[in-house]
mmCIF file of all heavy atoms, coordinates in Angstrom:
data_MODEL
# 
_entry.id   MODEL 
# 
loop_
_atom_site.group_PDB 
_atom_site.id 
_atom_site.type_symbol 
_atom_site.label_atom_id 
_atom_site.label_alt_id 
_atom_site.label_comp_id 
_atom_site.label_asym_id 
_atom_site.label_entity_id 
_atom_site.label_seq_id 
_atom_site.pdbx_PDB_ins_code 
_atom_site.Cartn_x 
_atom_site.Cartn_y 
_atom_site.Cartn_z 
_atom_site.occupancy 
_atom_site.B_iso_or_equiv 
_atom_site.pdbx_formal_charge 
_atom_site.auth_seq_id 
_atom_site.auth_comp_id 
_atom_site.auth_asym_id 
_atom_site.auth_atom_id 
_atom_site.pdbx_PDB_model_num 
ATOM 1   N N   . ALA A 1 1  ? -56.317 90.098 16.573  1.00 0.00 ? 1  ALA A N   1 
ATOM 2   C CA  . ALA A 1 1  ? -57.560 90.658 17.141  1.00 0.00 ? 1  ALA A CA  1 
ATOM 3   C C   . ALA A 1 1  ? -57.336 92.136 17.319  1.00 0.00 ? 1  ALA A C   1 
ATOM 4   O O   . ALA A 1 1  ? -56.243 92.604 17.459  1.00 0.00 ? 1  ALA A O   1 
ATOM 5   C CB  . ALA A 1 1  ? -57.888 89.996 18.503  1.00 0.00 ? 1  ALA A CB  1 
ATOM 6   N N   . PRO A 1 2  ? -58.464 92.928 17.383  1.00 0.00 ? 2  PRO A N   1 
ATOM 7   C CA  . PRO A 1 2  ? -59.844 92.457 17.205  1.00 0.00 ? 2  PRO A CA  1 
ATOM 8   C C   . PRO A 1 2  ? -60.388 92.390 15.796  1.00 0.00 ? 2  PRO A C   1 
ATOM 9   O O   . PRO A 1 2  ? -61.535 91.986 15.604  1.00 0.00 ? 2  PRO A O   1 
ATOM 10  C CB  . PRO A 1 2  ? -60.594 93.548 18.038  1.00 0.00 ? 2  PRO A CB  1 
ATOM 11  C CG  . PRO A 1 2  ? -59.828 94.748 17.788  1.00 0.00 ? 2  PRO A CG  1 
ATOM 12  C CD  . PRO A 1 2  ? -58.362 94.373 17.714  1.00 0.00 ? 2  PRO A CD  1 
ATOM 13  N N   . THR A 1 3  ? -59.571 92.852 14.865  1.00 0.00 ? 3  THR A N   1 
ATOM 14  C CA  . THR A 1 3  ? -60.118 92.932 13.476  1.00 0.00 ? 3  THR A CA  1 
ATOM 15  C C   . THR A 1 3  ? -60.167 91.569 12.764  1.00 0.00 ? 3  THR A C   1 
ATOM 16  O O   . THR A 1 3  ? -61.063 91.265 12.046  1.00 0.00 ? 3  THR A O   1 
ATOM 17  C CB  . THR A 1 3  ? -59.254 93.848 12.634  1.00 0.00 ? 3  THR A CB  1 
ATOM 18  O OG1 . THR A 1 3  ? -57.868 93.370 12.612  1.00 0.00 ? 3  THR A OG1 1 
ATOM 19  C CG2 . THR A 1 3  ? -59.272 95.280 13.168  1.00 0.00 ? 3  THR A CG2 1 
ATOM 20  N N   . GLY A 1 4  ? -59.147 90.710 13.105  1.00 0.00 ? 4  GLY A N   1 
ATOM 21  C CA  . GLY A 1 4  ? -59.156 89.406 12.471  1.00 0.00 ? 4  GLY A CA  1 
ATOM 22  C C   . GLY A 1 4  ? -58.696 89.482 10.993  1.00 0.00 ? 4  GLY A C   1 
ATOM 23  O O   . GLY A 1 4  ? -58.505 90.501 10.447  1.00 0.00 ? 4  GLY A O   1 
ATOM 24  N N   . VAL A 1 5  ? -58.611 88.282 10.418  1.00 0.00 ? 5  VAL A N   1 
ATOM 25  C CA  . VAL A 1 5  ? -58.216 88.174 8.982   1.00 0.00 ? 5  VAL A CA  1 
ATOM 26  C C   . VAL A 1 5  ? -59.226 87.224 8.241   1.00 0.00 ? 5  VAL A C   1 
ATOM 27  O O   . VAL A 1 5  ? -59.801 86.352 8.891   1.00 0.00 ? 5  VAL A O   1 
ATOM 28  C CB  . VAL A 1 5  ? -56.780 87.643 8.794   1.00 0.00 ? 5  VAL A CB  1 
ATOM 29  C CG1 . VAL A 1 5  ? -55.789 88.654 9.316   1.00 0.00 ? 5  VAL A CG1 1 
ATOM 30  C CG2 . VAL A 1 5  ? -56.593 86.297 9.471   1.00 0.00 ? 5  VAL A CG2 1 
ATOM 31  N N   . THR A 1 6  ? -59.474 87.521 7.030   1.00 0.00 ? 6  THR A N   1 
ATOM 32  C CA  . THR A 1 6  ? -60.204 86.625 6.128   1.00 0.00 ? 6  THR A CA  1 
ATOM 33  C C   . THR A 1 6  ? -59.383 86.379 4.887   1.00 0.00 ? 6  THR A C   1 
ATOM 34  O O   . THR A 1 6  ? -58.290 86.975 4.762   1.00 0.00 ? 6  THR A O   1 
ATOM 35  C CB  . THR A 1 6  ? -61.539 87.277 5.753   1.00 0.00 ? 6  THR A CB  1 
ATOM 36  O OG1 . THR A 1 6  ? -61.251 88.467 4.912   1.00 0.00 ? 6  THR A OG1 1 
ATOM 37  C CG2 . THR A 1 6  ? -62.325 87.731 6.961   1.00 0.00 ? 6  THR A CG2 1 
ATOM 38  N N   . CYS A 1 7  ? -59.910 85.652 3.963   1.00 0.00 ? 7  CYS A N   1 
ATOM 39  C CA  . CYS A 1 7  ? -59.196 85.411 2.705   1.00 0.00 ? 7  CYS A CA  1 
ATOM 40  C C   . CYS A 1 7  ? -58.927 86.721 2.009   1.00 0.00 ? 7  CYS A C   1 
ATOM 41  O O   . CYS A 1 7  ? -57.918 86.906 1.329   1.00 0.00 ? 7  CYS A O   1 
ATOM 42  C CB  . CYS A 1 7  ? -59.932 84.408 1.808   1.00 0.00 ? 7  CYS A CB  1 
ATOM 43  S SG  . CYS A 1 7  ? -60.529 82.937 2.626   1.00 0.00 ? 7  CYS A SG  1 
ATOM 44  N N   . TYR A 1 8  ? -59.869 87.648 2.145   1.00 0.00 ? 8  TYR A N   1 
ATOM 45  C CA  . TYR A 1 8  ? -59.787 88.948 1.389   1.00 0.00 ? 8  TYR A CA  1 
ATOM 46  C C   . TYR A 1 8  ? -58.591 89.742 1.890   1.00 0.00 ? 8  TYR A C   1 
ATOM 47  O O   . TYR A 1 8  ? -57.993 90.523 1.135   1.00 0.00 ? 8  TYR A O   1 
ATOM 48  C CB  . TYR A 1 8  ? -61.067 89.716 1.533   1.00 0.00 ? 8  TYR A CB  1 
ATOM 49  C CG  . TYR A 1 8  ? -61.027 91.041 0.701   1.00 0.00 ? 8  TYR A CG  1 
ATOM 50  C CD1 . TYR A 1 8  ? -61.259 91.019 -0.646  1.00 0.00 ? 8  TYR A CD1 1 
ATOM 51  C CD2 . TYR A 1 8  ? -60.727 92.321 1.319   1.00 0.00 ? 8  TYR A CD2 1 
ATOM 52  C CE1 . TYR A 1 8  ? -61.237 92.225 -1.397  1.00 0.00 ? 8  TYR A CE1 1 
ATOM 53  C CE2 . TYR A 1 8  ? -60.647 93.434 0.613   1.00 0.00 ? 8  TYR A CE2 1 
ATOM 54  C CZ  . TYR A 1 8  ? -60.908 93.422 -0.719  1.00 0.00 ? 8  TYR A CZ  1 
ATOM 55  O OH  . TYR A 1 8  ? -60.851 94.596 -1.453  1.00 0.00 ? 8  TYR A OH  1 
ATOM 56  N N   . THR A 1 9  ? -58.293 89.608 3.164   1.00 0.00 ? 9  THR A N   1 
ATOM 57  C CA  . THR A 1 9  ? -57.157 90.364 3.778   1.00 0.00 ? 9  THR A CA  1 
ATOM 58  C C   . THR A 1 9  ? -55.927 90.285 2.915   1.00 0.00 ? 9  THR A C   1 
ATOM 59  O O   . THR A 1 9  ? -55.262 91.305 2.677   1.00 0.00 ? 9  THR A O   1 
ATOM 60  C CB  . THR A 1 9  ? -56.847 89.915 5.157   1.00 0.00 ? 9  THR A CB  1 
ATOM 61  O OG1 . THR A 1 9  ? -58.040 89.901 5.974   1.00 0.00 ? 9  THR A OG1 1 
ATOM 62  C CG2 . THR A 1 9  ? -55.825 90.846 5.839   1.00 0.00 ? 9  THR A CG2 1 
ATOM 63  N N   . CYS A 1 10 ? -55.595 89.145 2.372   1.00 0.00 ? 10 CYS A N   1 
ATOM 64  C CA  . CYS A 1 10 ? -54.447 88.957 1.591   1.00 0.00 ? 10 CYS A CA  1 
ATOM 65  C C   . CYS A 1 10 ? -54.714 88.961 0.078   1.00 0.00 ? 10 CYS A C   1 
ATOM 66  O O   . CYS A 1 10 ? -53.997 89.548 -0.676  1.00 0.00 ? 10 CYS A O   1 
ATOM 67  C CB  . CYS A 1 10 ? -53.739 87.624 1.935   1.00 0.00 ? 10 CYS A CB  1 
ATOM 68  S SG  . CYS A 1 10 ? -53.089 87.544 3.590   1.00 0.00 ? 10 CYS A SG  1 
ATOM 69  N N   . HIS A 1 11 ? -55.793 88.312 -0.360  1.00 0.00 ? 11 HIS A N   1 
ATOM 70  C CA  . HIS A 1 11 ? -56.048 88.129 -1.771  1.00 0.00 ? 11 HIS A CA  1 
ATOM 71  C C   . HIS A 1 11 ? -56.570 89.342 -2.487  1.00 0.00 ? 11 HIS A C   1 
ATOM 72  O O   . HIS A 1 11 ? -56.107 89.703 -3.578  1.00 0.00 ? 11 HIS A O   1 
ATOM 73  C CB  . HIS A 1 11 ? -56.992 86.948 -1.966  1.00 0.00 ? 11 HIS A CB  1 
ATOM 74  C CG  . HIS A 1 11 ? -56.354 85.637 -1.782  1.00 0.00 ? 11 HIS A CG  1 
ATOM 75  N ND1 . HIS A 1 11 ? -55.822 84.902 -2.844  1.00 0.00 ? 11 HIS A ND1 1 
ATOM 76  C CD2 . HIS A 1 11 ? -56.136 84.850 -0.684  1.00 0.00 ? 11 HIS A CD2 1 
ATOM 77  C CE1 . HIS A 1 11 ? -55.347 83.786 -2.392  1.00 0.00 ? 11 HIS A CE1 1 
ATOM 78  N NE2 . HIS A 1 11 ? -55.514 83.668 -1.054  1.00 0.00 ? 11 HIS A NE2 1 
ATOM 79  N N   . ARG A 1 12 ? -57.567 90.001 -1.943  1.00 0.00 ? 12 ARG A N   1 
ATOM 80  C CA  . ARG A 1 12 ? -58.129 91.219 -2.533  1.00 0.00 ? 12 ARG A CA  1 
ATOM 81  C C   . ARG A 1 12 ? -58.443 91.087 -3.996  1.00 0.00 ? 12 ARG A C   1 
ATOM 82  O O   . ARG A 1 12 ? -58.163 91.959 -4.797  1.00 0.00 ? 12 ARG A O   1 
ATOM 83  C CB  . ARG A 1 12 ? -57.173 92.388 -2.264  1.00 0.00 ? 12 ARG A CB  1 
ATOM 84  C CG  . ARG A 1 12 ? -56.777 92.475 -0.745  1.00 0.00 ? 12 ARG A CG  1 
ATOM 85  C CD  . ARG A 1 12 ? -56.240 93.796 -0.389  1.00 0.00 ? 12 ARG A CD  1 
ATOM 86  N NE  . ARG A 1 12 ? -55.799 93.697 1.013   1.00 0.00 ? 12 ARG A NE  1 
ATOM 87  C CZ  . ARG A 1 12 ? -55.438 94.765 1.735   1.00 0.00 ? 12 ARG A CZ  1 
ATOM 88  N NH1 . ARG A 1 12 ? -55.480 95.935 1.215   1.00 0.00 ? 12 ARG A NH1 1 
ATOM 89  N NH2 . ARG A 1 12 ? -55.011 94.598 3.003   1.00 0.00 ? 12 ARG A NH2 1 
ATOM 90  N N   . GLY A 1 13 ? -59.150 90.049 -4.330  1.00 0.00 ? 13 GLY A N   1 
ATOM 91  C CA  . GLY A 1 13 ? -59.575 89.810 -5.703  1.00 0.00 ? 13 GLY A CA  1 
ATOM 92  C C   . GLY A 1 13 ? -58.559 89.104 -6.607  1.00 0.00 ? 13 GLY A C   1 
ATOM 93  O O   . GLY A 1 13 ? -58.865 88.891 -7.778  1.00 0.00 ? 13 GLY A O   1 
ATOM 94  N N   . ASN A 1 14 ? -57.392 88.683 -6.046  1.00 0.00 ? 14 ASN A N   1 
ATOM 95  C CA  . ASN A 1 14 ? -56.382 88.039 -6.808  1.00 0.00 ? 14 ASN A CA  1 
ATOM 96  C C   . ASN A 1 14 ? -56.299 86.572 -6.499  1.00 0.00 ? 14 ASN A C   1 
ATOM 97  O O   . ASN A 1 14 ? -56.489 86.189 -5.340  1.00 0.00 ? 14 ASN A O   1 
ATOM 98  C CB  . ASN A 1 14 ? -55.015 88.654 -6.556  1.00 0.00 ? 14 ASN A CB  1 
ATOM 99  C CG  . ASN A 1 14 ? -54.934 90.141 -6.916  1.00 0.00 ? 14 ASN A CG  1 
ATOM 100 O OD1 . ASN A 1 14 ? -55.239 90.509 -8.043  1.00 0.00 ? 14 ASN A OD1 1 
ATOM 101 N ND2 . ASN A 1 14 ? -54.573 90.925 -5.937  1.00 0.00 ? 14 ASN A ND2 1 
ATOM 102 N N   . ASN A 1 15 ? -56.047 85.703 -7.523  1.00 0.00 ? 15 ASN A N   1 
ATOM 103 C CA  . ASN A 1 15 ? -55.873 84.272 -7.185  1.00 0.00 ? 15 ASN A CA  1 
ATOM 104 C C   . ASN A 1 15 ? -54.776 84.023 -6.207  1.00 0.00 ? 15 ASN A C   1 
ATOM 105 O O   . ASN A 1 15 ? -54.896 83.247 -5.336  1.00 0.00 ? 15 ASN A O   1 
ATOM 106 C CB  . ASN A 1 15 ? -55.601 83.519 -8.530  1.00 0.00 ? 15 ASN A CB  1 
ATOM 107 C CG  . ASN A 1 15 ? -56.699 83.640 -9.530  1.00 0.00 ? 15 ASN A CG  1 
ATOM 108 O OD1 . ASN A 1 15 ? -56.440 83.447 -10.745 1.00 0.00 ? 15 ASN A OD1 1 
ATOM 109 N ND2 . ASN A 1 15 ? -57.929 83.938 -9.146  1.00 0.00 ? 15 ASN A ND2 1 
ATOM 110 N N   . VAL A 1 16 ? -53.664 84.687 -6.438  1.00 0.00 ? 16 VAL A N   1 
ATOM 111 C CA  . VAL A 1 16 ? -52.566 84.614 -5.510  1.00 0.00 ? 16 VAL A CA  1 
ATOM 112 C C   . VAL A 1 16 ? -52.335 86.037 -4.978  1.00 0.00 ? 16 VAL A C   1 
ATOM 113 O O   . VAL A 1 16 ? -52.431 87.028 -5.704  1.00 0.00 ? 16 VAL A O   1 
ATOM 114 C CB  . VAL A 1 16 ? -51.270 84.199 -6.242  1.00 0.00 ? 16 VAL A CB  1 
ATOM 115 C CG1 . VAL A 1 16 ? -50.017 84.260 -5.295  1.00 0.00 ? 16 VAL A CG1 1 
ATOM 116 C CG2 . VAL A 1 16 ? -51.459 82.839 -6.779  1.00 0.00 ? 16 VAL A CG2 1 
ATOM 117 N N   . PRO A 1 17 ? -52.164 86.181 -3.666  1.00 0.00 ? 17 PRO A N   1 
ATOM 118 C CA  . PRO A 1 17 ? -51.952 87.539 -3.094  1.00 0.00 ? 17 PRO A CA  1 
ATOM 119 C C   . PRO A 1 17 ? -50.866 88.318 -3.820  1.00 0.00 ? 17 PRO A C   1 
ATOM 120 O O   . PRO A 1 17 ? -49.866 87.679 -4.318  1.00 0.00 ? 17 PRO A O   1 
ATOM 121 C CB  . PRO A 1 17 ? -51.546 87.230 -1.610  1.00 0.00 ? 17 PRO A CB  1 
ATOM 122 C CG  . PRO A 1 17 ? -52.214 85.955 -1.314  1.00 0.00 ? 17 PRO A CG  1 
ATOM 123 C CD  . PRO A 1 17 ? -52.192 85.215 -2.568  1.00 0.00 ? 17 PRO A CD  1 
ATOM 124 N N   . GLU A 1 18 ? -51.054 89.589 -3.934  1.00 0.00 ? 18 GLU A N   1 
ATOM 125 C CA  . GLU A 1 18 ? -50.026 90.376 -4.727  1.00 0.00 ? 18 GLU A CA  1 
ATOM 126 C C   . GLU A 1 18 ? -48.669 90.339 -4.037  1.00 0.00 ? 18 GLU A C   1 
ATOM 127 O O   . GLU A 1 18 ? -47.671 90.361 -4.777  1.00 0.00 ? 18 GLU A O   1 
ATOM 128 C CB  . GLU A 1 18 ? -50.512 91.832 -4.732  1.00 0.00 ? 18 GLU A CB  1 
ATOM 129 C CG  . GLU A 1 18 ? -49.601 92.717 -5.575  1.00 0.00 ? 18 GLU A CG  1 
ATOM 130 C CD  . GLU A 1 18 ? -50.164 94.151 -5.638  1.00 0.00 ? 18 GLU A CD  1 
ATOM 131 O OE1 . GLU A 1 18 ? -51.271 94.426 -5.050  1.00 0.00 ? 18 GLU A OE1 1 
ATOM 132 O OE2 . GLU A 1 18 ? -49.488 95.035 -6.271  1.00 0.00 ? 18 GLU A OE2 1 
ATOM 133 N N   . TYR A 1 19 ? -48.604 90.225 -2.789  1.00 0.00 ? 19 TYR A N   1 
ATOM 134 C CA  . TYR A 1 19 ? -47.324 90.289 -2.052  1.00 0.00 ? 19 TYR A CA  1 
ATOM 135 C C   . TYR A 1 19 ? -47.006 88.976 -1.422  1.00 0.00 ? 19 TYR A C   1 
ATOM 136 O O   . TYR A 1 19 ? -47.455 88.673 -0.319  1.00 0.00 ? 19 TYR A O   1 
ATOM 137 C CB  . TYR A 1 19 ? -47.322 91.407 -1.008  1.00 0.00 ? 19 TYR A CB  1 
ATOM 138 C CG  . TYR A 1 19 ? -47.618 92.789 -1.565  1.00 0.00 ? 19 TYR A CG  1 
ATOM 139 C CD1 . TYR A 1 19 ? -48.881 93.342 -1.449  1.00 0.00 ? 19 TYR A CD1 1 
ATOM 140 C CD2 . TYR A 1 19 ? -46.644 93.498 -2.302  1.00 0.00 ? 19 TYR A CD2 1 
ATOM 141 C CE1 . TYR A 1 19 ? -49.103 94.645 -2.000  1.00 0.00 ? 19 TYR A CE1 1 
ATOM 142 C CE2 . TYR A 1 19 ? -46.902 94.724 -2.870  1.00 0.00 ? 19 TYR A CE2 1 
ATOM 143 C CZ  . TYR A 1 19 ? -48.102 95.296 -2.692  1.00 0.00 ? 19 TYR A CZ  1 
ATOM 144 O OH  . TYR A 1 19 ? -48.400 96.498 -3.273  1.00 0.00 ? 19 TYR A OH  1 
ATOM 145 N N   . VAL A 1 20 ? -46.253 88.161 -2.145  1.00 0.00 ? 20 VAL A N   1 
ATOM 146 C CA  . VAL A 1 20 ? -45.729 86.867 -1.617  1.00 0.00 ? 20 VAL A CA  1 
ATOM 147 C C   . VAL A 1 20 ? -44.236 86.787 -1.984  1.00 0.00 ? 20 VAL A C   1 
ATOM 148 O O   . VAL A 1 20 ? -43.726 87.686 -2.705  1.00 0.00 ? 20 VAL A O   1 
ATOM 149 C CB  . VAL A 1 20 ? -46.507 85.700 -2.255  1.00 0.00 ? 20 VAL A CB  1 
ATOM 150 C CG1 . VAL A 1 20 ? -47.907 85.604 -1.760  1.00 0.00 ? 20 VAL A CG1 1 
ATOM 151 C CG2 . VAL A 1 20 ? -46.496 85.757 -3.813  1.00 0.00 ? 20 VAL A CG2 1 
ATOM 152 N N   . TRP A 1 21 ? -43.571 85.798 -1.554  1.00 0.00 ? 21 TRP A N   1 
ATOM 153 C CA  . TRP A 1 21 ? -42.127 85.728 -1.784  1.00 0.00 ? 21 TRP A CA  1 
ATOM 154 C C   . TRP A 1 21 ? -41.677 84.242 -1.892  1.00 0.00 ? 21 TRP A C   1 
ATOM 155 O O   . TRP A 1 21 ? -42.362 83.371 -1.406  1.00 0.00 ? 21 TRP A O   1 
ATOM 156 C CB  . TRP A 1 21 ? -41.352 86.374 -0.685  1.00 0.00 ? 21 TRP A CB  1 
ATOM 157 C CG  . TRP A 1 21 ? -41.487 85.727 0.710   1.00 0.00 ? 21 TRP A CG  1 
ATOM 158 C CD1 . TRP A 1 21 ? -42.474 85.941 1.565   1.00 0.00 ? 21 TRP A CD1 1 
ATOM 159 C CD2 . TRP A 1 21 ? -40.595 84.737 1.260   1.00 0.00 ? 21 TRP A CD2 1 
ATOM 160 N NE1 . TRP A 1 21 ? -42.307 85.168 2.695   1.00 0.00 ? 21 TRP A NE1 1 
ATOM 161 C CE2 . TRP A 1 21 ? -41.159 84.419 2.560   1.00 0.00 ? 21 TRP A CE2 1 
ATOM 162 C CE3 . TRP A 1 21 ? -39.498 84.051 0.833   1.00 0.00 ? 21 TRP A CE3 1 
ATOM 163 C CZ2 . TRP A 1 21 ? -40.619 83.491 3.343   1.00 0.00 ? 21 TRP A CZ2 1 
ATOM 164 C CZ3 . TRP A 1 21 ? -38.870 83.210 1.652   1.00 0.00 ? 21 TRP A CZ3 1 
ATOM 165 C CH2 . TRP A 1 21 ? -39.464 82.842 2.951   1.00 0.00 ? 21 TRP A CH2 1 
ATOM 166 N N   . VAL A 1 22 ? -40.626 84.038 -2.582  1.00 0.00 ? 22 VAL A N   1 
ATOM 167 C CA  . VAL A 1 22 ? -39.952 82.736 -2.696  1.00 0.00 ? 22 VAL A CA  1 
ATOM 168 C C   . VAL A 1 22 ? -38.465 82.914 -2.495  1.00 0.00 ? 22 VAL A C   1 
ATOM 169 O O   . VAL A 1 22 ? -37.910 83.999 -2.637  1.00 0.00 ? 22 VAL A O   1 
ATOM 170 C CB  . VAL A 1 22 ? -40.190 82.102 -4.101  1.00 0.00 ? 22 VAL A CB  1 
ATOM 171 C CG1 . VAL A 1 22 ? -41.653 81.786 -4.283  1.00 0.00 ? 22 VAL A CG1 1 
ATOM 172 C CG2 . VAL A 1 22 ? -39.670 83.012 -5.221  1.00 0.00 ? 22 VAL A CG2 1 
ATOM 173 N N   . THR A 1 23 ? -37.840 81.827 -2.067  1.00 0.00 ? 23 THR A N   1 
ATOM 174 C CA  . THR A 1 23 ? -36.367 81.893 -1.878  1.00 0.00 ? 23 THR A CA  1 
ATOM 175 C C   . THR A 1 23 ? -35.618 81.780 -3.216  1.00 0.00 ? 23 THR A C   1 
ATOM 176 O O   . THR A 1 23 ? -35.935 80.875 -3.996  1.00 0.00 ? 23 THR A O   1 
ATOM 177 C CB  . THR A 1 23 ? -35.883 80.705 -0.949  1.00 0.00 ? 23 THR A CB  1 
ATOM 178 O OG1 . THR A 1 23 ? -36.581 80.866 0.274   1.00 0.00 ? 23 THR A OG1 1 
ATOM 179 C CG2 . THR A 1 23 ? -34.428 80.770 -0.759  1.00 0.00 ? 23 THR A CG2 1 
ATOM 180 N N   . GLU A 1 24 ? -34.784 82.721 -3.455  1.00 0.00 ? 24 GLU A N   1 
ATOM 181 C CA  . GLU A 1 24 ? -34.062 82.719 -4.722  1.00 0.00 ? 24 GLU A CA  1 
ATOM 182 C C   . GLU A 1 24 ? -32.520 82.775 -4.442  1.00 0.00 ? 24 GLU A C   1 
ATOM 183 O O   . GLU A 1 24 ? -32.081 83.145 -3.354  1.00 0.00 ? 24 GLU A O   1 
ATOM 184 C CB  . GLU A 1 24 ? -34.424 83.957 -5.569  1.00 0.00 ? 24 GLU A CB  1 
ATOM 185 C CG  . GLU A 1 24 ? -35.934 84.012 -5.869  1.00 0.00 ? 24 GLU A CG  1 
ATOM 186 C CD  . GLU A 1 24 ? -36.243 85.207 -6.810  1.00 0.00 ? 24 GLU A CD  1 
ATOM 187 O OE1 . GLU A 1 24 ? -35.508 85.410 -7.818  1.00 0.00 ? 24 GLU A OE1 1 
ATOM 188 O OE2 . GLU A 1 24 ? -37.136 85.987 -6.469  1.00 0.00 ? 24 GLU A OE2 1 
ATOM 189 N N   . GLU A 1 25 ? -31.724 82.360 -5.465  1.00 0.00 ? 25 GLU A N   1 
ATOM 190 C CA  . GLU A 1 25 ? -30.282 82.481 -5.292  1.00 0.00 ? 25 GLU A CA  1 
ATOM 191 C C   . GLU A 1 25 ? -29.906 83.936 -5.230  1.00 0.00 ? 25 GLU A C   1 
ATOM 192 O O   . GLU A 1 25 ? -30.598 84.838 -5.741  1.00 0.00 ? 25 GLU A O   1 
ATOM 193 C CB  . GLU A 1 25 ? -29.605 81.810 -6.496  1.00 0.00 ? 25 GLU A CB  1 
ATOM 194 C CG  . GLU A 1 25 ? -29.770 80.316 -6.629  1.00 0.00 ? 25 GLU A CG  1 
ATOM 195 C CD  . GLU A 1 25 ? -29.004 79.735 -7.781  1.00 0.00 ? 25 GLU A CD  1 
ATOM 196 O OE1 . GLU A 1 25 ? -28.306 80.492 -8.461  1.00 0.00 ? 25 GLU A OE1 1 
ATOM 197 O OE2 . GLU A 1 25 ? -29.159 78.514 -7.980  1.00 0.00 ? 25 GLU A OE2 1 
ATOM 198 N N   . ALA A 1 26 ? -28.781 84.160 -4.574  1.00 0.00 ? 26 ALA A N   1 
ATOM 199 C CA  . ALA A 1 26 ? -28.306 85.593 -4.424  1.00 0.00 ? 26 ALA A CA  1 
ATOM 200 C C   . ALA A 1 26 ? -28.035 86.179 -5.778  1.00 0.00 ? 26 ALA A C   1 
ATOM 201 O O   . ALA A 1 26 ? -27.468 85.484 -6.705  1.00 0.00 ? 26 ALA A O   1 
ATOM 202 C CB  . ALA A 1 26 ? -27.017 85.594 -3.552  1.00 0.00 ? 26 ALA A CB  1 
# 
């Protein structure tokens, strides 16, 4: 709050948000 979030906050026109992460081996 007070701005809140919507789907656009993360996606911004992308199927998958540009900034995501996965666990990888060192």
